[in-house]
N, C-alpha and C. Protein backbone atom coordinates (compact mmCIF):
# COMPACT_ATOMS: atom_id res chain seq x y z
N MET A 1 -90.49 -215.98 21.75
CA MET A 1 -89.33 -215.44 22.45
C MET A 1 -89.55 -213.95 22.70
N ALA A 2 -89.40 -213.55 23.92
CA ALA A 2 -89.52 -212.14 24.26
C ALA A 2 -88.27 -211.40 23.80
N TYR A 3 -88.45 -210.14 23.40
CA TYR A 3 -87.31 -209.39 22.88
C TYR A 3 -86.23 -209.15 23.92
N GLY A 4 -86.61 -209.05 25.18
CA GLY A 4 -85.63 -208.76 26.22
C GLY A 4 -84.92 -209.99 26.77
N SER A 5 -85.26 -211.17 26.28
CA SER A 5 -84.69 -212.38 26.87
C SER A 5 -83.57 -212.96 26.02
N TRP A 6 -82.52 -212.21 25.81
CA TRP A 6 -81.39 -212.71 25.02
C TRP A 6 -80.36 -213.41 25.87
N VAL A 7 -80.60 -213.48 27.17
CA VAL A 7 -79.73 -214.29 28.01
C VAL A 7 -80.25 -215.71 27.89
N GLY A 8 -79.50 -216.54 27.20
CA GLY A 8 -79.94 -217.90 26.93
C GLY A 8 -79.68 -218.84 28.09
N ILE A 9 -79.93 -220.08 27.85
CA ILE A 9 -79.81 -221.09 28.90
C ILE A 9 -78.37 -221.28 29.34
N ILE A 10 -77.42 -221.15 28.42
CA ILE A 10 -76.01 -221.32 28.79
C ILE A 10 -75.56 -220.19 29.71
N THR A 11 -75.93 -218.96 29.34
CA THR A 11 -75.55 -217.80 30.17
C THR A 11 -76.24 -217.86 31.52
N ALA A 12 -77.54 -218.18 31.52
CA ALA A 12 -78.27 -218.25 32.79
C ALA A 12 -77.71 -219.34 33.69
N THR A 13 -77.36 -220.48 33.12
CA THR A 13 -76.79 -221.57 33.91
C THR A 13 -75.42 -221.19 34.47
N ALA A 14 -74.61 -220.53 33.67
CA ALA A 14 -73.28 -220.12 34.14
C ALA A 14 -73.39 -219.12 35.29
N ILE A 15 -74.32 -218.19 35.18
CA ILE A 15 -74.52 -217.21 36.25
C ILE A 15 -75.06 -217.90 37.51
N ALA A 16 -76.02 -218.81 37.34
CA ALA A 16 -76.61 -219.50 38.49
C ALA A 16 -75.59 -220.36 39.22
N VAL A 17 -74.68 -220.97 38.48
CA VAL A 17 -73.66 -221.82 39.12
C VAL A 17 -72.64 -220.98 39.88
N THR A 18 -72.25 -219.85 39.29
CA THR A 18 -71.23 -219.00 39.90
C THR A 18 -71.77 -218.20 41.06
N ILE A 19 -72.97 -217.66 40.92
CA ILE A 19 -73.55 -216.80 41.95
C ILE A 19 -74.69 -217.57 42.60
N SER A 20 -74.44 -218.12 43.76
CA SER A 20 -75.46 -218.92 44.42
C SER A 20 -76.59 -218.07 44.99
N ASP A 21 -76.28 -216.85 45.45
CA ASP A 21 -77.29 -215.99 46.04
C ASP A 21 -77.12 -214.57 45.49
N ALA A 22 -78.11 -214.09 44.78
CA ALA A 22 -78.04 -212.77 44.18
C ALA A 22 -78.13 -211.65 45.22
N LYS A 23 -78.48 -211.98 46.44
CA LYS A 23 -78.57 -210.97 47.50
C LYS A 23 -77.21 -210.42 47.90
N HIS A 24 -76.14 -211.03 47.41
CA HIS A 24 -74.79 -210.52 47.69
C HIS A 24 -74.57 -209.17 47.02
N PHE A 25 -75.36 -208.87 46.01
CA PHE A 25 -75.23 -207.61 45.28
C PHE A 25 -76.35 -206.67 45.70
N LYS A 26 -75.98 -205.45 46.08
CA LYS A 26 -76.98 -204.48 46.51
C LYS A 26 -77.78 -203.91 45.34
N SER A 27 -77.17 -203.89 44.17
CA SER A 27 -77.85 -203.31 43.01
C SER A 27 -77.37 -204.00 41.73
N ALA A 28 -78.06 -203.68 40.65
CA ALA A 28 -77.66 -204.23 39.35
C ALA A 28 -76.29 -203.69 38.94
N ARG A 29 -75.97 -202.47 39.37
CA ARG A 29 -74.66 -201.90 39.04
C ARG A 29 -73.53 -202.70 39.71
N GLN A 30 -73.76 -203.16 40.93
CA GLN A 30 -72.74 -203.99 41.58
C GLN A 30 -72.57 -205.31 40.85
N PHE A 31 -73.68 -205.88 40.36
CA PHE A 31 -73.57 -207.12 39.59
C PHE A 31 -72.82 -206.86 38.29
N ALA A 32 -73.11 -205.73 37.65
CA ALA A 32 -72.39 -205.37 36.42
C ALA A 32 -70.92 -205.15 36.70
N ALA A 33 -70.60 -204.59 37.86
CA ALA A 33 -69.19 -204.41 38.24
C ALA A 33 -68.52 -205.76 38.45
N PHE A 34 -69.25 -206.72 39.00
CA PHE A 34 -68.71 -208.06 39.17
C PHE A 34 -68.36 -208.67 37.81
N LEU A 35 -69.19 -208.39 36.82
CA LEU A 35 -68.94 -208.89 35.47
C LEU A 35 -67.87 -208.07 34.73
N GLY A 36 -67.56 -206.88 35.23
CA GLY A 36 -66.58 -206.02 34.59
C GLY A 36 -67.19 -205.17 33.50
N LEU A 37 -68.47 -204.79 33.65
CA LEU A 37 -69.19 -204.05 32.61
C LEU A 37 -69.48 -202.60 32.96
N VAL A 38 -68.90 -202.08 34.01
CA VAL A 38 -69.15 -200.69 34.36
C VAL A 38 -67.87 -199.88 34.16
N PRO A 39 -68.01 -198.61 33.88
CA PRO A 39 -66.81 -197.80 33.67
C PRO A 39 -66.05 -197.56 34.98
N ARG A 40 -64.75 -197.37 34.83
CA ARG A 40 -63.94 -197.03 35.99
C ARG A 40 -64.33 -195.63 36.45
N GLN A 41 -64.33 -195.43 37.75
CA GLN A 41 -64.71 -194.14 38.31
C GLN A 41 -63.47 -193.40 38.78
N PHE A 42 -63.42 -192.15 38.42
CA PHE A 42 -62.38 -191.24 38.90
C PHE A 42 -63.11 -190.09 39.55
N SER A 43 -63.18 -190.09 40.87
CA SER A 43 -63.95 -189.09 41.59
C SER A 43 -63.03 -188.28 42.49
N THR A 44 -63.25 -186.99 42.49
CA THR A 44 -62.51 -186.12 43.37
C THR A 44 -63.33 -184.86 43.62
N GLY A 45 -63.34 -184.40 44.84
CA GLY A 45 -64.03 -183.17 45.18
C GLY A 45 -65.52 -183.21 44.89
N GLY A 46 -66.12 -184.36 44.97
CA GLY A 46 -67.55 -184.47 44.71
C GLY A 46 -67.91 -184.55 43.24
N LYS A 47 -66.91 -184.44 42.36
CA LYS A 47 -67.18 -184.51 40.93
C LYS A 47 -66.84 -185.92 40.44
N GLU A 48 -67.82 -186.56 39.85
CA GLU A 48 -67.65 -187.93 39.41
C GLU A 48 -67.32 -187.97 37.93
N ARG A 49 -66.25 -188.66 37.58
CA ARG A 49 -65.86 -188.83 36.18
C ARG A 49 -65.81 -190.32 35.88
N LEU A 50 -66.40 -190.69 34.78
CA LEU A 50 -66.42 -192.09 34.39
C LEU A 50 -65.48 -192.31 33.22
N GLY A 51 -64.67 -193.34 33.32
CA GLY A 51 -63.72 -193.67 32.26
C GLY A 51 -64.24 -194.79 31.38
N ARG A 52 -63.33 -195.57 30.86
CA ARG A 52 -63.70 -196.69 29.99
C ARG A 52 -64.12 -197.89 30.84
N ILE A 53 -64.76 -198.86 30.19
CA ILE A 53 -65.14 -200.08 30.88
C ILE A 53 -63.87 -200.81 31.29
N SER A 54 -63.82 -201.25 32.54
CA SER A 54 -62.58 -201.78 33.11
C SER A 54 -62.23 -203.17 32.59
N LYS A 55 -63.20 -204.00 32.27
CA LYS A 55 -63.00 -205.38 31.79
C LYS A 55 -62.19 -206.20 32.78
N GLN A 56 -62.36 -205.96 34.06
CA GLN A 56 -61.62 -206.69 35.07
C GLN A 56 -62.43 -207.79 35.72
N GLY A 57 -63.66 -208.00 35.28
CA GLY A 57 -64.50 -209.03 35.86
C GLY A 57 -64.31 -210.37 35.17
N ASN A 58 -65.37 -211.15 35.17
CA ASN A 58 -65.34 -212.49 34.61
C ASN A 58 -65.41 -212.44 33.08
N GLN A 59 -64.35 -212.85 32.44
CA GLN A 59 -64.25 -212.78 30.98
C GLN A 59 -65.25 -213.73 30.31
N TYR A 60 -65.50 -214.88 30.90
CA TYR A 60 -66.43 -215.85 30.32
C TYR A 60 -67.85 -215.28 30.25
N PHE A 61 -68.31 -214.63 31.33
CA PHE A 61 -69.65 -214.03 31.33
C PHE A 61 -69.75 -212.92 30.29
N ARG A 62 -68.73 -212.08 30.23
CA ARG A 62 -68.76 -211.00 29.24
C ARG A 62 -68.86 -211.56 27.83
N ARG A 63 -68.11 -212.62 27.55
CA ARG A 63 -68.15 -213.24 26.22
C ARG A 63 -69.54 -213.79 25.93
N LEU A 64 -70.16 -214.45 26.91
CA LEU A 64 -71.50 -214.98 26.71
C LEU A 64 -72.52 -213.87 26.44
N LEU A 65 -72.40 -212.77 27.18
CA LEU A 65 -73.33 -211.66 26.98
C LEU A 65 -73.12 -210.99 25.62
N ILE A 66 -71.88 -210.90 25.17
CA ILE A 66 -71.60 -210.32 23.86
C ILE A 66 -72.15 -211.20 22.74
N VAL A 67 -71.99 -212.50 22.87
CA VAL A 67 -72.53 -213.42 21.86
C VAL A 67 -74.05 -213.30 21.81
N GLY A 68 -74.70 -213.22 22.98
CA GLY A 68 -76.15 -213.07 23.02
C GLY A 68 -76.61 -211.76 22.41
N ALA A 69 -75.93 -210.68 22.73
CA ALA A 69 -76.30 -209.37 22.18
C ALA A 69 -76.09 -209.33 20.67
N THR A 70 -75.01 -209.94 20.19
CA THR A 70 -74.74 -209.97 18.76
C THR A 70 -75.81 -210.77 18.03
N SER A 71 -76.26 -211.87 18.61
CA SER A 71 -77.31 -212.65 17.97
C SER A 71 -78.62 -211.87 17.92
N MET A 72 -78.91 -211.09 18.96
CA MET A 72 -80.13 -210.27 18.94
C MET A 72 -80.04 -209.17 17.90
N LEU A 73 -78.85 -208.60 17.71
CA LEU A 73 -78.69 -207.59 16.65
C LEU A 73 -78.99 -208.20 15.29
N ARG A 74 -78.49 -209.38 15.04
CA ARG A 74 -78.74 -210.05 13.77
C ARG A 74 -80.22 -210.36 13.62
N HIS A 75 -80.87 -210.73 14.70
CA HIS A 75 -82.29 -211.04 14.69
C HIS A 75 -83.12 -209.79 14.36
N PHE A 76 -82.79 -208.66 14.98
CA PHE A 76 -83.56 -207.44 14.79
C PHE A 76 -83.37 -206.80 13.42
N ARG A 77 -82.29 -207.06 12.76
CA ARG A 77 -82.05 -206.44 11.46
C ARG A 77 -83.08 -206.85 10.42
N HIS A 78 -83.69 -208.01 10.61
CA HIS A 78 -84.64 -208.52 9.62
C HIS A 78 -86.07 -208.51 10.13
N LYS A 79 -86.34 -207.88 11.24
CA LYS A 79 -87.68 -207.82 11.81
C LYS A 79 -88.25 -206.41 11.69
N SER A 80 -89.54 -206.31 11.93
CA SER A 80 -90.18 -205.00 11.96
C SER A 80 -90.85 -204.84 13.32
N GLY A 81 -91.12 -203.63 13.68
CA GLY A 81 -91.74 -203.36 14.96
C GLY A 81 -91.01 -202.26 15.71
N LYS A 82 -91.56 -201.92 16.84
CA LYS A 82 -91.04 -200.81 17.62
C LYS A 82 -89.60 -201.07 18.09
N GLU A 83 -89.34 -202.27 18.64
CA GLU A 83 -88.01 -202.59 19.14
C GLU A 83 -86.99 -202.67 18.01
N ALA A 84 -87.41 -203.24 16.88
CA ALA A 84 -86.50 -203.37 15.74
C ALA A 84 -86.16 -201.99 15.17
N ASP A 85 -87.13 -201.10 15.11
CA ASP A 85 -86.87 -199.74 14.63
C ASP A 85 -85.90 -199.02 15.55
N TRP A 86 -86.09 -199.20 16.86
CA TRP A 86 -85.19 -198.57 17.83
C TRP A 86 -83.77 -199.09 17.66
N MET A 87 -83.65 -200.41 17.45
CA MET A 87 -82.33 -201.03 17.28
C MET A 87 -81.66 -200.53 16.00
N ARG A 88 -82.41 -200.46 14.92
CA ARG A 88 -81.82 -199.96 13.67
C ARG A 88 -81.41 -198.50 13.78
N GLU A 89 -82.18 -197.72 14.52
CA GLU A 89 -81.80 -196.32 14.74
C GLU A 89 -80.49 -196.22 15.51
N LEU A 90 -80.32 -197.06 16.52
CA LEU A 90 -79.06 -197.09 17.26
C LEU A 90 -77.91 -197.49 16.34
N LEU A 91 -78.14 -198.46 15.46
CA LEU A 91 -77.09 -198.93 14.57
C LEU A 91 -76.66 -197.88 13.56
N THR A 92 -77.53 -196.92 13.25
CA THR A 92 -77.13 -195.85 12.33
C THR A 92 -76.18 -194.87 13.03
N ARG A 93 -76.28 -194.78 14.36
CA ARG A 93 -75.45 -193.83 15.10
C ARG A 93 -74.18 -194.44 15.67
N ARG A 94 -74.19 -195.72 15.97
CA ARG A 94 -73.07 -196.38 16.64
C ARG A 94 -72.71 -197.68 15.92
N SER A 95 -71.52 -198.16 16.23
CA SER A 95 -71.10 -199.43 15.65
C SER A 95 -71.82 -200.58 16.35
N PRO A 96 -71.91 -201.75 15.71
CA PRO A 96 -72.61 -202.87 16.32
C PRO A 96 -72.03 -203.30 17.67
N ARG A 97 -70.74 -203.23 17.85
CA ARG A 97 -70.14 -203.61 19.13
C ARG A 97 -70.51 -202.65 20.25
N VAL A 98 -70.70 -201.39 19.94
CA VAL A 98 -71.09 -200.41 20.95
C VAL A 98 -72.56 -200.58 21.28
N VAL A 99 -73.38 -200.83 20.27
CA VAL A 99 -74.81 -201.03 20.49
C VAL A 99 -75.00 -202.28 21.33
């Protein structure tokens, strides 16, 4: 299993069924906005301010991604290597839900 492949078959199938053509999104940020994973933007006078994550997208996808990320955190806590060290370093600075 590759370390970056925490999107499992259930998540991949749900995304494939819902989004028939990924070309509808110009960028990964637009796809993240569809899922409700990007911060709200408050822009004025050319100054961009980012707020909290809006959570206005698809709740089912967000839940699947959170479950996958949580399982990877549990996996990395007992492993060694470059990625595991990076993950543990993040966990010392932030809570598991933020990581």
